[in-house]
PDB file of N, CA and C in Angstrom:
ATOM      1  N   MET A   1       0.643  -1.160  -0.368  1.00  0.00           N
ATOM      2  CA  MET A   1      -0.119  -0.138   0.169  1.00  0.00           C
ATOM      3  C   MET A   1       1.036   1.336   0.244  1.00  0.00           C
ATOM      4  N   THR A   2       0.604   2.704  -0.807  1.00  0.00           N
ATOM      5  CA  THR A   2       1.334   3.549  -1.084  1.00  0.00           C
ATOM      6  C   THR A   2       0.799   4.281  -0.380  1.00  0.00           C
ATOM      7  N   ASP A   3       1.746   5.381   0.237  1.00  0.00           N
ATOM      8  CA  ASP A   3       1.420   6.534   1.155  1.00  0.00           C
ATOM      9  C   ASP A   3       0.611   7.940   0.254  1.00  0.00           C
ATOM     10  N   THR A   4       0.352   7.563  -1.372  1.00  0.00           N
ATOM     11  CA  THR A   4       0.237   8.516  -2.448  1.00  0.00           C
ATOM     12  C   THR A   4      -1.112   8.692  -2.065  1.00  0.00           C
ATOM     13  N   PRO A   5      -1.603  10.425  -1.756  1.00  0.00           N
ATOM     14  CA  PRO A   5      -3.331  10.194  -1.877  1.00  0.00           C
ATOM     15  C   PRO A   5      -3.946  10.301  -3.065  1.00  0.00           C
ATOM     16  N   PRO A   6      -4.516   9.546  -2.803  1.00  0.00           N
ATOM     17  CA  PRO A   6      -5.593   9.813  -4.231  1.00  0.00           C
ATOM     18  C   PRO A   6      -6.022  11.024  -5.211  1.00  0.00           C
ATOM     19  N   PRO A   7      -6.449  10.522  -6.088  1.00  0.00           N
ATOM     20  CA  PRO A   7      -6.800  12.263  -6.770  1.00  0.00           C
ATOM     21  C   PRO A   7      -7.573  13.055  -6.570  1.00  0.00           C
ATOM     22  N   PRO A   8      -8.255  14.287  -6.715  1.00  0.00           N
ATOM     23  CA  PRO A   8      -9.345  14.607  -6.144  1.00  0.00           C
ATOM     24  C   PRO A   8     -10.611  14.197  -6.878  1.00  0.00           C
ATOM     25  N   GLY A   9     -11.150  13.935  -5.769  1.00  0.00           N
ATOM     26  CA  GLY A   9     -13.043  13.587  -6.399  1.00  0.00           C
ATOM     27  C   GLY A   9     -12.842  11.753  -6.055  1.00  0.00           C
ATOM     28  N   VAL A  10     -11.679  11.458  -5.830  1.00  0.00           N
ATOM     29  CA  VAL A  10     -11.930   9.583  -5.301  1.00  0.00           C
ATOM     30  C   VAL A  10     -10.975   9.256  -4.123  1.00  0.00           C
ATOM     31  N   ALA A  11     -11.669   8.500  -3.805  1.00  0.00           N
ATOM     32  CA  ALA A  11     -12.344   8.345  -2.037  1.00  0.00           C
ATOM     33  C   ALA A  11     -11.028   7.580  -2.294  1.00  0.00           C
ATOM     34  N   PRO A  12     -10.156   7.598  -0.904  1.00  0.00           N
ATOM     35  CA  PRO A  12      -9.303   6.679  -0.353  1.00  0.00           C
ATOM     36  C   PRO A  12      -9.332   5.392  -0.029  1.00  0.00           C
ATOM     37  N   ARG A  13      -8.753   4.668  -0.696  1.00  0.00           N
ATOM     38  CA  ARG A  13      -9.022   3.142  -0.127  1.00  0.00           C
ATOM     39  C   ARG A  13      -8.271   2.376   1.173  1.00  0.00           C
ATOM     40  N   GLY A  14      -8.617   1.683   1.798  1.00  0.00           N
ATOM     41  CA  GLY A  14      -8.094   1.223   2.899  1.00  0.00           C
ATOM     42  C   GLY A  14      -7.030  -0.021   2.332  1.00  0.00           C
ATOM     43  N   ALA A  15      -6.491  -0.569   3.675  1.00  0.00           N
ATOM     44  CA  ALA A  15      -5.829  -1.578   2.593  1.00  0.00           C
ATOM     45  C   ALA A  15      -6.510  -3.108   2.121  1.00  0.00           C
ATOM     46  N   GLY A  16      -5.695  -3.799   1.483  1.00  0.00           N
ATOM     47  CA  GLY A  16      -6.316  -5.068   1.175  1.00  0.00           C
ATOM     48  C   GLY A  16      -5.871  -6.071   1.742  1.00  0.00           C
ATOM     49  N   ILE A  17      -6.768  -7.289   1.503  1.00  0.00           N
ATOM     50  CA  ILE A  17      -6.358  -8.594   2.441  1.00  0.00           C
ATOM     51  C   ILE A  17      -5.261  -9.029   2.217  1.00  0.00           C
ATOM     52  N   ARG A  18      -4.465  -8.866   1.270  1.00  0.00           N
ATOM     53  CA  ARG A  18      -2.841  -9.173   0.809  1.00  0.00           C
ATOM     54  C   ARG A  18      -2.217  -8.384   2.209  1.00  0.00           C
ATOM     55  N   GLU A  19      -2.117  -7.103   1.872  1.00  0.00           N
ATOM     56  CA  GLU A  19      -1.748  -5.864   3.005  1.00  0.00           C
ATOM     57  C   GLU A  19      -1.708  -6.455   4.330  1.00  0.00           C
ATOM     58  N   VAL A  20      -3.501  -6.886   4.977  1.00  0.00           N
ATOM     59  CA  VAL A  20      -3.582  -6.952   5.969  1.00  0.00           C
ATOM     60  C   VAL A  20      -2.603  -8.251   6.327  1.00  0.00           C
ATOM     61  N   ALA A  21      -3.263  -9.425   5.142  1.00  0.00           N
ATOM     62  CA  ALA A  21      -2.419 -11.003   5.685  1.00  0.00           C
ATOM     63  C   ALA A  21      -0.629 -11.336   5.890  1.00  0.00           C
ATOM     64  N   ARG A  22       0.061  -9.955   4.771  1.00  0.00           N
ATOM     65  CA  ARG A  22       1.388  -9.373   4.978  1.00  0.00           C
ATOM     66  C   ARG A  22       1.749  -9.074   6.516  1.00  0.00           C
ATOM     67  N   ARG A  23       1.170  -8.020   6.921  1.00  0.00           N
ATOM     68  CA  ARG A  23       1.628  -7.011   7.888  1.00  0.00           C
ATOM     69  C   ARG A  23       0.795  -8.295   9.635  1.00  0.00           C
ATOM     70  N   ALA A  24      -0.058  -9.146   9.373  1.00  0.00           N
ATOM     71  CA  ALA A  24      -0.620 -10.032  10.277  1.00  0.00           C
ATOM     72  C   ALA A  24       0.669 -11.168  10.352  1.00  0.00           C
ATOM     73  N   GLY A  25       1.511 -11.853   9.138  1.00  0.00           N
ATOM     74  CA  GLY A  25       1.949 -13.164   9.254  1.00  0.00           C
ATOM     75  C   GLY A  25       1.100 -14.336   8.786  1.00  0.00           C
ATOM     76  N   VAL A  26      -0.205 -13.929   8.587  1.00  0.00           N
ATOM     77  CA  VAL A  26      -0.592 -15.071   8.264  1.00  0.00           C
ATOM     78  C   VAL A  26      -1.070 -15.205   6.729  1.00  0.00           C
ATOM     79  N   SER A  27      -1.598 -15.904   6.349  1.00  0.00           N
ATOM     80  CA  SER A  27      -1.769 -16.085   4.831  1.00  0.00           C
ATOM     81  C   SER A  27      -3.145 -15.574   4.550  1.00  0.00           C
ATOM     82  N   ILE A  28      -3.201 -15.379   3.445  1.00  0.00           N
ATOM     83  CA  ILE A  28      -4.667 -14.748   2.132  1.00  0.00           C
ATOM     84  C   ILE A  28      -5.762 -15.382   2.855  1.00  0.00           C
ATOM     85  N   ALA A  29      -5.738 -16.880   3.272  1.00  0.00           N
ATOM     86  CA  ALA A  29      -6.833 -17.255   2.950  1.00  0.00           C
ATOM     87  C   ALA A  29      -7.042 -17.194   4.678  1.00  0.00           C
ATOM     88  N   THR A  30      -6.088 -17.455   5.695  1.00  0.00           N
ATOM     89  CA  THR A  30      -6.406 -16.861   7.241  1.00  0.00           C
ATOM     90  C   THR A  30      -7.716 -15.573   7.261  1.00  0.00           C
ATOM     91  N   VAL A  31      -6.572 -14.631   6.736  1.00  0.00           N
ATOM     92  CA  VAL A  31      -8.064 -13.590   6.750  1.00  0.00           C
ATOM     93  C   VAL A  31      -9.020 -13.951   6.025  1.00  0.00           C
ATOM     94  N   SER A  32      -9.358 -14.460   5.462  1.00  0.00           N
ATOM     95  CA  SER A  32     -10.524 -14.928   4.765  1.00  0.00           C
ATOM     96  C   SER A  32     -11.491 -15.706   5.463  1.00  0.00           C
ATOM     97  N   ARG A  33     -11.109 -16.178   6.040  1.00  0.00           N
ATOM     98  CA  ARG A  33     -11.107 -17.458   7.314  1.00  0.00           C
ATOM     99  C   ARG A  33     -11.647 -16.687   8.706  1.00  0.00           C
ATOM    100  N   VAL A  34     -11.007 -15.505   8.754  1.00  0.00           N
ATOM    101  CA  VAL A  34     -11.666 -14.821  10.030  1.00  0.00           C
ATOM    102  C   VAL A  34     -12.758 -13.735   9.497  1.00  0.00           C
ATOM    103  N   PHE A  35     -13.098 -13.542   8.163  1.00  0.00           N
ATOM    104  CA  PHE A  35     -13.954 -12.535   8.171  1.00  0.00           C
ATOM    105  C   PHE A  35     -14.899 -13.447   8.052  1.00  0.00           C
ATOM    106  N   ASN A  36     -14.917 -14.857   7.734  1.00  0.00           N
ATOM    107  CA  ASN A  36     -16.016 -15.371   7.129  1.00  0.00           C
ATOM    108  C   ASN A  36     -16.597 -16.211   8.315  1.00  0.00           C
ATOM    109  N   ASP A  37     -15.911 -15.917   9.604  1.00  0.00           N
ATOM    110  CA  ASP A  37     -16.199 -16.616  11.049  1.00  0.00           C
ATOM    111  C   ASP A  37     -15.898 -18.408  10.896  1.00  0.00           C
ATOM    112  N   ALA A  38     -14.833 -18.749  10.140  1.00  0.00           N
ATOM    113  CA  ALA A  38     -14.606 -20.019   9.743  1.00  0.00           C
ATOM    114  C   ALA A  38     -13.802 -20.840  11.711  1.00  0.00           C
ATOM    115  N   GLN A  39     -14.540 -21.765  11.911  1.00  0.00           N
ATOM    116  CA  GLN A  39     -13.706 -22.067  13.164  1.00  0.00           C
ATOM    117  C   GLN A  39     -12.839 -22.347  13.369  1.00  0.00           C
ATOM    118  N   SER A  40     -12.094 -22.572  12.218  1.00  0.00           N
ATOM    119  CA  SER A  40     -10.246 -23.615  11.801  1.00  0.00           C
ATOM    120  C   SER A  40      -9.280 -22.572  12.572  1.00  0.00           C
ATOM    121  N   VAL A  41      -9.788 -21.045  12.595  1.00  0.00           N
ATOM    122  CA  VAL A  41      -8.827 -20.172  13.242  1.00  0.00           C
ATOM    123  C   VAL A  41      -8.653 -19.640  15.088  1.00  0.00           C
ATOM    124  N   SER A  42      -7.630 -19.700  15.252  1.00  0.00           N
ATOM    125  CA  SER A  42      -7.120 -19.994  16.679  1.00  0.00           C
ATOM    126  C   SER A  42      -7.940 -18.247  17.181  1.00  0.00           C
ATOM    127  N   GLN A  43      -8.370 -18.209  18.264  1.00  0.00           N
ATOM    128  CA  GLN A  43      -8.493 -16.822  18.798  1.00  0.00           C
ATOM    129  C   GLN A  43      -7.902 -15.916  18.737  1.00  0.00           C
ATOM    130  N   ASP A  44      -6.142 -15.973  19.185  1.00  0.00           N
ATOM    131  CA  ASP A  44      -5.590 -15.093  19.446  1.00  0.00           C
ATOM    132  C   ASP A  44      -5.394 -14.466  17.459  1.00  0.00           C
ATOM    133  N   THR A  45      -4.955 -15.599  16.729  1.00  0.00           N
ATOM    134  CA  THR A  45      -4.851 -15.220  15.511  1.00  0.00           C
ATOM    135  C   THR A  45      -6.489 -14.410  14.419  1.00  0.00           C
ATOM    136  N   ARG A  46      -7.653 -14.685  15.568  1.00  0.00           N
ATOM    137  CA  ARG A  46      -8.144 -14.183  15.104  1.00  0.00           C
ATOM    138  C   ARG A  46      -8.591 -12.357  15.750  1.00  0.00           C
ATOM    139  N   GLU A  47      -8.038 -12.299  16.635  1.00  0.00           N
ATOM    140  CA  GLU A  47      -8.047 -10.903  17.546  1.00  0.00           C
ATOM    141  C   GLU A  47      -7.152 -10.327  16.844  1.00  0.00           C
ATOM    142  N   ARG A  48      -6.001 -10.903  16.030  1.00  0.00           N
ATOM    143  CA  ARG A  48      -4.949  -9.908  15.784  1.00  0.00           C
ATOM    144  C   ARG A  48      -5.085  -9.551  14.186  1.00  0.00           C
ATOM    145  N   VAL A  49      -5.618 -10.334  13.559  1.00  0.00           N
ATOM    146  CA  VAL A  49      -5.717  -9.893  12.367  1.00  0.00           C
ATOM    147  C   VAL A  49      -7.629  -9.263  12.186  1.00  0.00           C
ATOM    148  N   ALA A  50      -8.500  -9.099  13.379  1.00  0.00           N
ATOM    149  CA  ALA A  50      -9.455  -7.831  12.743  1.00  0.00           C
ATOM    150  C   ALA A  50      -9.286  -7.047  13.875  1.00  0.00           C
ATOM    151  N   SER A  51      -8.034  -7.120  14.726  1.00  0.00           N
ATOM    152  CA  SER A  51      -7.621  -5.659  15.055  1.00  0.00           C
ATOM    153  C   SER A  51      -6.956  -4.908  14.395  1.00  0.00           C
ATOM    154  N   LEU A  52      -5.833  -5.739  13.488  1.00  0.00           N
ATOM    155  CA  LEU A  52      -5.028  -5.058  12.313  1.00  0.00           C
ATOM    156  C   LEU A  52      -5.820  -4.453  10.995  1.00  0.00           C
ATOM    157  N   ALA A  53      -6.458  -5.753  10.925  1.00  0.00           N
ATOM    158  CA  ALA A  53      -7.360  -4.880   9.716  1.00  0.00           C
ATOM    159  C   ALA A  53      -8.112  -3.319   9.923  1.00  0.00           C
ATOM    160  N   SER A  54      -8.925  -3.302  11.542  1.00  0.00           N
ATOM    161  CA  SER A  54      -9.722  -2.300  11.579  1.00  0.00           C
ATOM    162  C   SER A  54      -8.441  -1.298  11.402  1.00  0.00           C
ATOM    163  N   SER A  55      -7.095  -1.414  12.218  1.00  0.00           N
ATOM    164  CA  SER A  55      -6.305  -0.516  12.429  1.00  0.00           C
ATOM    165  C   SER A  55      -6.295   0.385  10.755  1.00  0.00           C
ATOM    166  N   LEU A  56      -6.075  -0.613   9.832  1.00  0.00           N
ATOM    167  CA  LEU A  56      -5.536  -0.614   8.139  1.00  0.00           C
ATOM    168  C   LEU A  56      -6.954   0.080   7.623  1.00  0.00           C
ATOM    169  N   GLY A  57      -7.840  -0.015   8.339  1.00  0.00           N
ATOM    170  CA  GLY A  57      -9.367   0.284   7.553  1.00  0.00           C
ATOM    171  C   GLY A  57      -9.706  -0.820   6.297  1.00  0.00           C
ATOM    172  N   TYR A  58      -9.701  -2.110   6.583  1.00  0.00           N
ATOM    173  CA  TYR A  58      -9.441  -2.898   6.000  1.00  0.00           C
ATOM    174  C   TYR A  58     -11.358  -3.010   5.763  1.00  0.00           C
ATOM    175  N   GLN A  59     -11.810  -3.378   5.132  1.00  0.00           N
ATOM    176  CA  GLN A  59     -13.319  -4.366   4.663  1.00  0.00           C
ATOM    177  C   GLN A  59     -13.312  -4.883   3.844  1.00  0.00           C
ATOM    178  N   PRO A  60     -14.150  -6.246   4.014  1.00  0.00           N
ATOM    179  CA  PRO A  60     -14.135  -7.126   2.866  1.00  0.00           C
ATOM    180  C   PRO A  60     -15.166  -6.282   1.758  1.00  0.00           C
ATOM    181  N   SER A  61     -14.920  -6.770   0.789  1.00  0.00           N
ATOM    182  CA  SER A  61     -15.243  -6.160  -0.712  1.00  0.00           C
ATOM    183  C   SER A  61     -16.765  -7.106  -0.814  1.00  0.00           C
ATOM    184  N   PRO A  62     -17.682  -7.021  -0.517  1.00  0.00           N
ATOM    185  CA  PRO A  62     -19.115  -7.083  -1.008  1.00  0.00           C
ATOM    186  C   PRO A  62     -18.779  -7.910  -2.644  1.00  0.00           C
ATOM    187  N   LEU A  63     -18.506  -6.719  -3.177  1.00  0.00           N
ATOM    188  CA  LEU A  63     -18.070  -7.250  -5.147  1.00  0.00           C
ATOM    189  C   LEU A  63     -17.245  -8.174  -5.092  1.00  0.00           C
ATOM    190  N   GLY A  64     -16.150  -8.263  -4.270  1.00  0.00           N
ATOM    191  CA  GLY A  64     -14.908  -9.322  -4.511  1.00  0.00           C
ATOM    192  C   GLY A  64     -15.790 -10.982  -3.765  1.00  0.00           C
ATOM    193  N   ARG A  65     -16.722 -10.363  -3.031  1.00  0.00           N
ATOM    194  CA  ARG A  65     -17.338 -11.926  -2.119  1.00  0.00           C
ATOM    195  C   ARG A  65     -18.461 -12.593  -3.083  1.00  0.00           C
ATOM    196  N   ASN A  66     -19.079 -11.316  -4.217  1.00  0.00           N
ATOM    197  CA  ASN A  66     -20.016 -12.143  -5.310  1.00  0.00           C
ATOM    198  C   ASN A  66     -19.127 -12.733  -6.142  1.00  0.00           C
ATOM    199  N   LEU A  67     -18.271 -12.358  -6.658  1.00  0.00           N
ATOM    200  CA  LEU A  67     -17.439 -12.790  -7.663  1.00  0.00           C
ATOM    201  C   LEU A  67     -16.637 -13.738  -7.478  1.00  0.00           C
ATOM    202  N   VAL A  68     -15.994 -14.595  -6.196  1.00  0.00           N
ATOM    203  CA  VAL A  68     -15.577 -15.577  -5.876  1.00  0.00           C
ATOM    204  C   VAL A  68     -16.837 -16.977  -5.574  1.00  0.00           C
ATOM    205  N   ARG A  69     -18.022 -16.291  -5.398  1.00  0.00           N
ATOM    206  CA  ARG A  69     -19.147 -17.205  -5.232  1.00  0.00           C
ATOM    207  C   ARG A  69     -19.737 -17.506  -6.894  1.00  0.00           C
ATOM    208  N   GLY A  70     -19.347 -16.219  -7.479  1.00  0.00           N
ATOM    209  CA  GLY A  70     -20.225 -16.970  -9.039  1.00  0.00           C
ATOM    210  C   GLY A  70     -21.540 -16.133  -8.841  1.00  0.00           C
ATOM    211  N   ARG A  71     -21.922 -15.450  -8.115  1.00  0.00           N
ATOM    212  CA  ARG A  71     -23.641 -15.004  -7.610  1.00  0.00           C
ATOM    213  C   ARG A  71     -23.425 -13.803  -7.006  1.00  0.00           C
ATOM    214  N   SER A  72     -24.766 -12.871  -7.388  1.00  0.00           N
ATOM    215  CA  SER A  72     -24.792 -12.126  -6.296  1.00  0.00           C
ATOM    216  C   SER A  72     -26.353 -11.655  -5.839  1.00  0.00           C
ATOM    217  N   ASP A  73     -27.104 -12.640  -5.695  1.00  0.00           N
ATOM    218  CA  ASP A  73     -27.958 -12.560  -5.276  1.00  0.00           C
ATOM    219  C   ASP A  73     -29.174 -11.470  -5.937  1.00  0.00           C
ATOM    220  N   LEU A  74     -28.617 -11.068  -6.877  1.00  0.00           N
ATOM    221  CA  LEU A  74     -29.616  -9.797  -7.178  1.00  0.00           C
ATOM    222  C   LEU A  74     -30.197  -9.897  -8.194  1.00  0.00           C
ATOM    223  N   ILE A  75     -31.533  -9.581  -8.570  1.00  0.00           N
ATOM    224  CA  ILE A  75     -32.797  -9.733  -9.748  1.00  0.00           C
ATOM    225  C   ILE A  75     -32.883  -8.364 -10.464  1.00  0.00           C
ATOM    226  N   GLY A  76     -32.500  -8.667 -11.685  1.00  0.00           N
ATOM    227  CA  GLY A  76     -33.182  -7.391 -12.963  1.00  0.00           C
ATOM    228  C   GLY A  76     -34.497  -7.292 -12.863  1.00  0.00           C
ATOM    229  N   LEU A  77     -35.192  -6.594 -12.944  1.00  0.00           N
ATOM    230  CA  LEU A  77     -36.449  -6.267 -13.787  1.00  0.00           C
ATOM    231  C   LEU A  77     -36.254  -5.381 -15.381  1.00  0.00           C
ATOM    232  N   ILE A  78     -36.842  -5.854 -16.081  1.00  0.00           N
ATOM    233  CA  ILE A  78     -36.506  -4.751 -17.227  1.00  0.00           C
ATOM    234  C   ILE A  78     -38.010  -4.979 -17.716  1.00  0.00           C
ATOM    235  N   VAL A  79     -38.184  -3.214 -17.541  1.00  0.00           N
ATOM    236  CA  VAL A  79     -39.530  -3.033 -18.130  1.00  0.00           C
ATOM    237  C   VAL A  79     -39.398  -1.924 -19.603  1.00  0.00           C
ATOM    238  N   PRO A  80     -40.601  -1.640 -20.121  1.00  0.00           N
ATOM    239  CA  PRO A  80     -40.250  -1.243 -21.306  1.00  0.00           C
ATOM    240  C   PRO A  80     -40.127   0.389 -21.430  1.00  0.00           C
ATOM    241  N   ASP A  81     -41.102   0.707 -20.281  1.00  0.00           N
ATOM    242  CA  ASP A  81     -40.918   2.016 -19.891  1.00  0.00           C
ATOM    243  C   ASP A  81     -41.569   1.980 -18.127  1.00  0.00           C
ATOM    244  N   VAL A  82     -40.719   3.231 -17.746  1.00  0.00           N
ATOM    245  CA  VAL A  82     -41.272   3.255 -15.961  1.00  0.00           C
ATOM    246  C   VAL A  82     -42.669   4.101 -16.322  1.00  0.00           C
ATOM    247  N   SER A  83     -42.839   5.191 -17.000  1.00  0.00           N
ATOM    248  CA  SER A  83     -44.037   5.633 -16.604  1.00  0.00           C
ATOM    249  C   SER A  83     -45.268   4.877 -16.869  1.00  0.00           C
ATOM    250  N   PHE A  84     -45.205   3.795 -17.516  1.00  0.00           N
ATOM    251  CA  PHE A  84     -46.415   2.904 -17.574  1.00  0.00           C
ATOM    252  C   PHE A  84     -47.114   2.971 -16.276  1.00  0.00           C
ATOM    253  N   ARG A  85     -48.553   2.709 -16.077  1.00  0.00           N
ATOM    254  CA  ARG A  85     -48.585   2.539 -14.922  1.00  0.00           C
ATOM    255  C   ARG A  85     -48.704   1.043 -14.625  1.00  0.00           C
ATOM    256  N   CYS A  86     -48.906  -0.025 -14.648  1.00  0.00           N
ATOM    257  CA  CYS A  86     -48.100  -1.302 -14.588  1.00  0.00           C
ATOM    258  C   CYS A  86     -46.915  -1.528 -14.265  1.00  0.00           C
ATOM    259  N   THR A  87     -46.003  -0.814 -14.681  1.00  0.00           N
ATOM    260  CA  THR A  87     -44.700  -1.172 -13.935  1.00  0.00           C
ATOM    261  C   THR A  87     -44.360  -1.122 -12.393  1.00  0.00           C
ATOM    262  N   ALA A  88     -45.086   0.145 -11.806  1.00  0.00           N
ATOM    263  CA  ALA A  88     -45.190   0.089 -10.632  1.00  0.00           C
ATOM    264  C   ALA A  88     -45.875  -1.358  -9.635  1.00  0.00           C
ATOM    265  N   SER A  89     -46.967  -1.535 -10.278  1.00  0.00           N
ATOM    266  CA  SER A  89     -47.552  -2.802 -10.191  1.00  0.00           C
ATOM    267  C   SER A  89     -47.128  -3.627 -10.020  1.00  0.00           C
ATOM    268  N   CYS A  90     -46.395  -4.197 -11.162  1.00  0.00           N
ATOM    269  CA  CYS A  90     -45.397  -5.261 -11.218  1.00  0.00           C
ATOM    270  C   CYS A  90     -44.361  -5.542 -10.366  1.00  0.00           C
ATOM    271  N   TRP A  91     -43.879  -3.918 -10.659  1.00  0.00           N
ATOM    272  CA  TRP A  91     -42.641  -4.387  -9.360  1.00  0.00           C
ATOM    273  C   TRP A  91     -42.460  -4.724  -7.484  1.00  0.00           C
ATOM    274  N   ALA A  92     -44.151  -3.922  -7.134  1.00  0.00           N
ATOM    275  CA  ALA A  92     -44.746  -4.467  -6.467  1.00  0.00           C
ATOM    276  C   ALA A  92     -44.733  -6.307  -6.085  1.00  0.00           C
ATOM    277  N   ALA A  93     -45.404  -6.072  -7.046  1.00  0.00           N
ATOM    278  CA  ALA A  93     -45.392  -7.695  -7.032  1.00  0.00           C
ATOM    279  C   ALA A  93     -44.650  -8.714  -6.834  1.00  0.00           C
ATOM    280  N   SER A  94     -43.778  -8.106  -7.692  1.00  0.00           N
ATOM    281  CA  SER A  94     -42.067  -8.897  -7.815  1.00  0.00           C
ATOM    282  C   SER A  94     -41.634  -9.128  -6.066  1.00  0.00           C
ATOM    283  N   ARG A  95     -41.811  -7.976  -5.633  1.00  0.00           N
ATOM    284  CA  ARG A  95     -40.986  -7.566  -4.177  1.00  0.00           C
ATOM    285  C   ARG A  95     -41.849  -8.585  -3.376  1.00  0.00           C
ATOM    286  N   ARG A  96     -43.139  -8.547  -3.691  1.00  0.00           N
ATOM    287  CA  ARG A  96     -43.925  -9.070  -2.896  1.00  0.00           C
ATOM    288  C   ARG A  96     -43.562 -10.627  -2.815  1.00  0.00           C
ATOM    289  N   CYS A  97     -43.356 -11.052  -4.004  1.00  0.00           N
ATOM    290  CA  CYS A  97     -43.134 -12.684  -4.467  1.00  0.00           C
ATOM    291  C   CYS A  97     -41.884 -12.911  -3.876  1.00  0.00           C
ATOM    292  N   TRP A  98     -40.643 -12.022  -3.886  1.00  0.00           N
ATOM    293  CA  TRP A  98     -39.154 -12.604  -3.526  1.00  0.00           C
ATOM    294  C   TRP A  98     -39.009 -12.414  -1.786  1.00  0.00           C
ATOM    295  N   ALA A  99     -40.107 -11.483  -1.601  1.00  0.00           N
ATOM    296  CA  ALA A  99     -40.463 -11.607  -0.275  1.00  0.00           C
ATOM    297  C   ALA A  99     -40.794 -12.621   1.014  1.00  0.00           C
ATOM    298  N   GLY A 100     -42.113 -13.385   0.043  1.00  0.00           N
ATOM    299  CA  GLY A 100     -42.226 -15.089   0.583  1.00  0.00           C
ATOM    300  C   GLY A 100     -43.358 -14.027   0.892  1.00  0.00           C
ATOM    301  N   THR A 101     -43.967 -12.927   0.717  1.00  0.00           N
ATOM    302  CA  THR A 101     -45.269 -12.329   1.133  1.00  0.00           C
ATOM    303  C   THR A 101     -46.379 -12.434   0.197  1.00  0.00           C
ATOM    304  N   ALA A 102     -46.150 -12.884  -1.319  1.00  0.00           N
ATOM    305  CA  ALA A 102     -47.135 -12.985  -1.860  1.00  0.00           C
ATOM    306  C   ALA A 102     -48.232 -14.051  -1.902  1.00  0.00           C
TER     307      ALA A 102
END
């Protein structure tokens, strides 16, 4: 990780999983196991990694997790025109169905 500030208009990034693993002296897989609550990580290692990750500003990426899993749990709804009156009722019915309250 560099100490160079990001360009104007770009949010600063925290450390990545590799940086956390390097500084904690553990593997990338161990850092991943800590954040996925795997029981195979000792409490001492878990606390050390979590503390270091917090101090470095590391946050697991939901996009990265979705990429690894191969799914995002998102559903797209394509409609011809959002101004159609039936679009809102179609959207509401879809939400009720997905929530299991239809």
